[in-house]
Amino acid sequence: MQSKVIFLTTDSLGNGERELGTQILETYFTLLKQREQLPAAIFCANRGVLALTEQSLASVHLKELADKNVQVLACATCVDYYGIREQLTVGEISSMGHFMELADKYEVLTLS
């Protein structure tokens, strides 16, 4: 997993019921943080940036991943679009250019 970057494009995993998708996303990050090998980075774009706010239970687990030196990054354009810059509880503001650099260096795993 350390040779991967996770591209998170949603705050609710999958296409079914939103509440279920939110629980699945939280479970994913709960299990991920327990692994020995962690991803190099998690880049959040589109609705994925909403997972970085306290409205998302996934934010707690993303904070723990950040505390374990996983880069947690938020697309600046997306953060500004949703007007949540002051609501971020985890993550650093970044750019799509930085994501492209990560994608050149690491395998990308997209969660949508």
N, C-alpha and C. Protein backbone atom coordinates (compact mmCIF):
# COMPACT_ATOMS: atom_id res chain seq x y z
N MET A 1 0.83 -1.20 0.00
CA MET A 1 0.00 0.00 0.00
C MET A 1 0.87 1.26 0.00
N GLN A 2 2.10 1.17 0.51
CA GLN A 2 2.93 2.36 0.60
C GLN A 2 3.35 2.90 -0.76
N SER A 3 3.16 2.12 -1.80
CA SER A 3 3.49 2.59 -3.15
C SER A 3 2.25 3.12 -3.87
N LYS A 4 1.21 3.44 -3.09
CA LYS A 4 -0.04 3.91 -3.68
C LYS A 4 -0.43 5.28 -3.13
N VAL A 5 -1.20 5.98 -3.93
CA VAL A 5 -1.87 7.19 -3.48
C VAL A 5 -3.36 6.94 -3.68
N ILE A 6 -4.15 7.26 -2.68
CA ILE A 6 -5.59 7.08 -2.76
C ILE A 6 -6.20 8.38 -3.26
N PHE A 7 -7.00 8.28 -4.31
CA PHE A 7 -7.71 9.42 -4.89
C PHE A 7 -9.16 9.30 -4.44
N LEU A 8 -9.54 10.10 -3.45
CA LEU A 8 -10.87 10.04 -2.87
C LEU A 8 -11.75 11.10 -3.51
N THR A 9 -12.79 10.66 -4.24
CA THR A 9 -13.64 11.61 -4.96
C THR A 9 -15.03 11.73 -4.37
N THR A 10 -15.24 11.14 -3.19
CA THR A 10 -16.58 11.10 -2.62
C THR A 10 -16.52 11.10 -1.10
N ASP A 11 -17.62 11.47 -0.48
CA ASP A 11 -17.73 11.34 0.98
C ASP A 11 -18.67 10.20 1.34
N SER A 12 -19.09 9.43 0.33
CA SER A 12 -19.99 8.30 0.51
C SER A 12 -19.64 7.27 -0.55
N LEU A 13 -19.07 6.16 -0.15
CA LEU A 13 -18.53 5.19 -1.08
C LEU A 13 -19.62 4.37 -1.77
N GLY A 14 -19.57 4.31 -3.08
CA GLY A 14 -20.51 3.52 -3.86
C GLY A 14 -21.70 4.31 -4.36
N ASN A 15 -22.57 3.64 -5.10
CA ASN A 15 -23.71 4.29 -5.75
C ASN A 15 -25.05 4.01 -5.10
N GLY A 16 -25.08 3.30 -4.00
CA GLY A 16 -26.34 2.97 -3.33
C GLY A 16 -26.81 4.07 -2.40
N GLU A 17 -27.42 3.66 -1.32
CA GLU A 17 -27.91 4.60 -0.31
C GLU A 17 -26.76 5.40 0.28
N ARG A 18 -26.94 6.70 0.38
CA ARG A 18 -25.89 7.60 0.87
C ARG A 18 -25.45 7.22 2.30
N GLU A 19 -26.40 6.93 3.17
CA GLU A 19 -26.07 6.59 4.54
C GLU A 19 -25.19 5.34 4.61
N LEU A 20 -25.52 4.34 3.80
CA LEU A 20 -24.72 3.12 3.74
C LEU A 20 -23.33 3.44 3.20
N GLY A 21 -23.25 4.24 2.15
CA GLY A 21 -21.97 4.62 1.56
C GLY A 21 -21.07 5.35 2.54
N THR A 22 -21.67 6.18 3.39
CA THR A 22 -20.92 6.89 4.42
C THR A 22 -20.32 5.90 5.42
N GLN A 23 -21.11 4.92 5.80
CA GLN A 23 -20.62 3.89 6.74
C GLN A 23 -19.51 3.05 6.11
N ILE A 24 -19.67 2.71 4.84
CA ILE A 24 -18.64 1.92 4.15
C ILE A 24 -17.33 2.68 4.06
N LEU A 25 -17.41 3.98 3.77
CA LEU A 25 -16.20 4.79 3.69
C LEU A 25 -15.51 4.86 5.05
N GLU A 26 -16.29 5.04 6.11
CA GLU A 26 -15.70 5.07 7.45
C GLU A 26 -15.03 3.73 7.76
N THR A 27 -15.68 2.63 7.43
CA THR A 27 -15.11 1.31 7.67
C THR A 27 -13.80 1.14 6.89
N TYR A 28 -13.78 1.60 5.66
CA TYR A 28 -12.57 1.49 4.85
C TYR A 28 -11.39 2.16 5.55
N PHE A 29 -11.60 3.41 6.00
CA PHE A 29 -10.50 4.13 6.63
C PHE A 29 -10.18 3.58 8.02
N THR A 30 -11.16 3.04 8.71
CA THR A 30 -10.91 2.38 10.00
C THR A 30 -9.96 1.21 9.80
N LEU A 31 -10.22 0.39 8.78
CA LEU A 31 -9.37 -0.76 8.50
C LEU A 31 -8.01 -0.35 7.93
N LEU A 32 -8.00 0.67 7.09
CA LEU A 32 -6.76 1.13 6.48
C LEU A 32 -5.76 1.59 7.54
N LYS A 33 -6.23 2.35 8.51
CA LYS A 33 -5.31 2.90 9.52
C LYS A 33 -4.70 1.80 10.40
N GLN A 34 -5.28 0.61 10.40
CA GLN A 34 -4.78 -0.50 11.21
C GLN A 34 -3.73 -1.33 10.47
N ARG A 35 -3.57 -1.06 9.20
CA ARG A 35 -2.61 -1.84 8.40
C ARG A 35 -1.18 -1.40 8.71
N GLU A 36 -0.27 -2.34 8.52
CA GLU A 36 1.13 -2.04 8.74
C GLU A 36 1.66 -1.10 7.66
N GLN A 37 1.30 -1.39 6.41
CA GLN A 37 1.73 -0.52 5.31
C GLN A 37 0.60 0.43 4.95
N LEU A 38 0.91 1.70 4.98
CA LEU A 38 -0.07 2.74 4.70
C LEU A 38 0.23 3.38 3.35
N PRO A 39 -0.76 4.03 2.76
CA PRO A 39 -0.50 4.70 1.47
C PRO A 39 0.43 5.89 1.66
N ALA A 40 1.04 6.30 0.58
CA ALA A 40 1.92 7.47 0.62
C ALA A 40 1.11 8.74 0.84
N ALA A 41 -0.10 8.77 0.25
CA ALA A 41 -0.93 9.97 0.37
C ALA A 41 -2.39 9.63 0.08
N ILE A 42 -3.25 10.53 0.53
CA ILE A 42 -4.67 10.48 0.20
C ILE A 42 -5.01 11.86 -0.34
N PHE A 43 -5.44 11.91 -1.59
CA PHE A 43 -5.78 13.18 -2.24
C PHE A 43 -7.29 13.22 -2.41
N CYS A 44 -7.93 14.22 -1.81
CA CYS A 44 -9.39 14.35 -1.84
C CYS A 44 -9.81 15.42 -2.85
N ALA A 45 -10.72 15.04 -3.73
CA ALA A 45 -11.23 15.96 -4.74
C ALA A 45 -12.74 15.83 -4.82
N ASN A 46 -13.37 16.79 -5.46
CA ASN A 46 -14.82 16.84 -5.59
C ASN A 46 -15.44 16.66 -4.20
N ARG A 47 -16.45 15.79 -4.05
CA ARG A 47 -17.10 15.60 -2.74
C ARG A 47 -16.19 14.92 -1.73
N GLY A 48 -15.07 14.41 -2.17
CA GLY A 48 -14.11 13.80 -1.24
C GLY A 48 -13.60 14.77 -0.20
N VAL A 49 -13.54 16.06 -0.54
CA VAL A 49 -13.08 17.05 0.45
C VAL A 49 -14.04 17.16 1.63
N LEU A 50 -15.29 16.79 1.44
CA LEU A 50 -16.26 16.84 2.54
C LEU A 50 -15.94 15.82 3.61
N ALA A 51 -15.19 14.77 3.26
CA ALA A 51 -14.77 13.76 4.23
C ALA A 51 -13.72 14.32 5.20
N LEU A 52 -13.23 15.50 4.93
CA LEU A 52 -12.21 16.13 5.77
C LEU A 52 -12.81 17.10 6.79
N THR A 53 -14.12 17.12 6.90
CA THR A 53 -14.80 18.00 7.85
C THR A 53 -15.39 17.17 8.98
N GLU A 54 -15.76 17.82 10.06
CA GLU A 54 -16.32 17.08 11.20
C GLU A 54 -17.70 16.51 10.90
N GLN A 55 -18.32 16.90 9.81
CA GLN A 55 -19.60 16.30 9.42
C GLN A 55 -19.43 14.85 8.96
N SER A 56 -18.21 14.45 8.68
CA SER A 56 -17.93 13.10 8.22
C SER A 56 -17.20 12.32 9.31
N LEU A 57 -17.71 11.14 9.63
CA LEU A 57 -17.03 10.29 10.60
C LEU A 57 -15.68 9.80 10.08
N ALA A 58 -15.53 9.78 8.77
CA ALA A 58 -14.26 9.36 8.18
C ALA A 58 -13.13 10.32 8.55
N SER A 59 -13.46 11.58 8.86
CA SER A 59 -12.44 12.58 9.18
C SER A 59 -11.60 12.17 10.39
N VAL A 60 -12.21 11.49 11.35
CA VAL A 60 -11.47 11.04 12.54
C VAL A 60 -10.37 10.06 12.12
N HIS A 61 -10.70 9.15 11.23
CA HIS A 61 -9.74 8.15 10.78
C HIS A 61 -8.69 8.77 9.86
N LEU A 62 -9.11 9.72 9.05
CA LEU A 62 -8.16 10.43 8.18
C LEU A 62 -7.17 11.23 9.03
N LYS A 63 -7.63 11.79 10.13
CA LYS A 63 -6.73 12.51 11.05
C LYS A 63 -5.70 11.55 11.64
N GLU A 64 -6.14 10.36 12.02
CA GLU A 64 -5.21 9.37 12.56
C GLU A 64 -4.19 8.93 11.50
N LEU A 65 -4.63 8.81 10.25
CA LEU A 65 -3.69 8.49 9.17
C LEU A 65 -2.69 9.63 8.99
N ALA A 66 -3.16 10.86 9.05
CA ALA A 66 -2.25 12.01 8.95
C ALA A 66 -1.24 12.00 10.09
N ASP A 67 -1.70 11.63 11.28
CA ASP A 67 -0.80 11.54 12.44
C ASP A 67 0.25 10.45 12.26
N LYS A 68 -0.03 9.49 11.36
CA LYS A 68 0.92 8.41 11.05
C LYS A 68 1.75 8.77 9.81
N ASN A 69 1.80 10.04 9.49
CA ASN A 69 2.62 10.58 8.39
C ASN A 69 2.12 10.25 7.00
N VAL A 70 0.84 9.95 6.86
CA VAL A 70 0.23 9.84 5.53
C VAL A 70 -0.19 11.25 5.13
N GLN A 71 0.26 11.69 3.97
CA GLN A 71 -0.17 13.01 3.48
C GLN A 71 -1.66 12.95 3.17
N VAL A 72 -2.44 13.81 3.80
CA VAL A 72 -3.86 13.93 3.49
C VAL A 72 -4.03 15.31 2.87
N LEU A 73 -4.45 15.30 1.61
CA LEU A 73 -4.47 16.53 0.81
C LEU A 73 -5.87 16.81 0.29
N ALA A 74 -6.19 18.09 0.21
CA ALA A 74 -7.49 18.54 -0.28
C ALA A 74 -7.31 19.44 -1.49
N CYS A 75 -8.03 19.15 -2.54
CA CYS A 75 -8.02 19.96 -3.76
C CYS A 75 -8.52 21.37 -3.42
N ALA A 76 -7.69 22.37 -3.65
CA ALA A 76 -8.05 23.75 -3.31
C ALA A 76 -9.30 24.22 -4.06
N THR A 77 -9.41 23.90 -5.33
CA THR A 77 -10.57 24.30 -6.11
C THR A 77 -11.85 23.72 -5.52
N CYS A 78 -11.79 22.46 -5.11
CA CYS A 78 -12.96 21.77 -4.55
C CYS A 78 -13.34 22.35 -3.18
N VAL A 79 -12.34 22.60 -2.35
CA VAL A 79 -12.58 23.19 -1.03
C VAL A 79 -13.27 24.54 -1.20
N ASP A 80 -12.78 25.34 -2.12
CA ASP A 80 -13.37 26.67 -2.34
C ASP A 80 -14.77 26.56 -2.96
N TYR A 81 -14.96 25.60 -3.83
CA TYR A 81 -16.28 25.41 -4.44
C TYR A 81 -17.33 25.13 -3.37
N TYR A 82 -17.00 24.25 -2.42
CA TYR A 82 -17.94 23.90 -1.36
C TYR A 82 -17.90 24.90 -0.20
N GLY A 83 -16.97 25.84 -0.22
CA GLY A 83 -16.88 26.85 0.83
C GLY A 83 -16.58 26.28 2.20
N ILE A 84 -15.66 25.31 2.27
CA ILE A 84 -15.42 24.61 3.53
C ILE A 84 -13.99 24.81 4.06
N ARG A 85 -13.28 25.77 3.55
CA ARG A 85 -11.88 25.96 3.96
C ARG A 85 -11.73 26.03 5.48
N GLU A 86 -12.63 26.75 6.14
CA GLU A 86 -12.56 26.91 7.61
C GLU A 86 -13.11 25.68 8.34
N GLN A 87 -13.76 24.79 7.64
CA GLN A 87 -14.36 23.62 8.28
C GLN A 87 -13.48 22.37 8.23
N LEU A 88 -12.36 22.45 7.53
CA LEU A 88 -11.47 21.29 7.44
C LEU A 88 -10.89 20.97 8.81
N THR A 89 -11.01 19.73 9.22
CA THR A 89 -10.43 19.30 10.50
C THR A 89 -9.15 18.50 10.29
N VAL A 90 -8.88 18.15 9.05
CA VAL A 90 -7.68 17.38 8.71
C VAL A 90 -7.31 17.71 7.27
N GLY A 91 -6.06 17.54 6.97
CA GLY A 91 -5.62 17.71 5.58
C GLY A 91 -5.01 19.07 5.31
N GLU A 92 -4.25 19.09 4.25
CA GLU A 92 -3.61 20.31 3.78
C GLU A 92 -4.21 20.67 2.43
N ILE A 93 -4.35 21.95 2.18
CA ILE A 93 -4.83 22.41 0.88
C ILE A 93 -3.73 22.15 -0.14
N SER A 94 -4.12 21.59 -1.28
CA SER A 94 -3.15 21.24 -2.31
C SER A 94 -3.74 21.57 -3.68
N SER A 95 -3.07 21.12 -4.71
CA SER A 95 -3.50 21.43 -6.07
C SER A 95 -3.57 20.17 -6.92
N MET A 96 -4.28 20.28 -8.02
CA MET A 96 -4.36 19.16 -8.95
C MET A 96 -2.98 18.89 -9.56
N GLY A 97 -2.18 19.93 -9.69
CA GLY A 97 -0.80 19.73 -10.17
C GLY A 97 -0.01 18.84 -9.24
N HIS A 98 -0.18 19.03 -7.93
CA HIS A 98 0.51 18.18 -6.96
C HIS A 98 0.00 16.74 -7.07
N PHE A 99 -1.32 16.57 -7.25
CA PHE A 99 -1.85 15.22 -7.44
C PHE A 99 -1.22 14.57 -8.67
N MET A 100 -1.06 15.31 -9.74
CA MET A 100 -0.45 14.76 -10.96
C MET A 100 0.99 14.31 -10.69
N GLU A 101 1.72 15.07 -9.87
CA GLU A 101 3.07 14.66 -9.49
C GLU A 101 3.04 13.35 -8.70
N LEU A 102 2.08 13.25 -7.77
CA LEU A 102 1.93 12.01 -6.99
C LEU A 102 1.58 10.84 -7.91
N ALA A 103 0.69 11.09 -8.87
CA ALA A 103 0.26 10.04 -9.80
C ALA A 103 1.41 9.56 -10.69
N ASP A 104 2.36 10.45 -10.98
CA ASP A 104 3.55 10.05 -11.74
C ASP A 104 4.44 9.13 -10.91
N LYS A 105 4.43 9.33 -9.61
CA LYS A 105 5.34 8.61 -8.72
C LYS A 105 4.74 7.33 -8.14
N TYR A 106 3.41 7.33 -7.91
CA TYR A 106 2.73 6.22 -7.23
C TYR A 106 1.58 5.68 -8.06
N GLU A 107 1.22 4.45 -7.77
CA GLU A 107 0.01 3.87 -8.35
C GLU A 107 -1.19 4.55 -7.70
N VAL A 108 -2.21 4.86 -8.48
CA VAL A 108 -3.40 5.55 -7.97
C VAL A 108 -4.54 4.54 -7.75
N LEU A 109 -5.10 4.59 -6.56
CA LEU A 109 -6.28 3.80 -6.21
C LEU A 109 -7.41 4.79 -6.02
N THR A 110 -8.42 4.73 -6.90
CA THR A 110 -9.53 5.68 -6.85
C THR A 110 -10.70 5.11 -6.06
N LEU A 111 -11.17 5.87 -5.09
CA LEU A 111 -12.38 5.54 -4.33
C LEU A 111 -13.47 6.51 -4.75
N SER A 112 -14.58 5.97 -5.26
CA SER A 112 -15.67 6.85 -5.71
C SER A 112 -17.01 6.26 -5.35
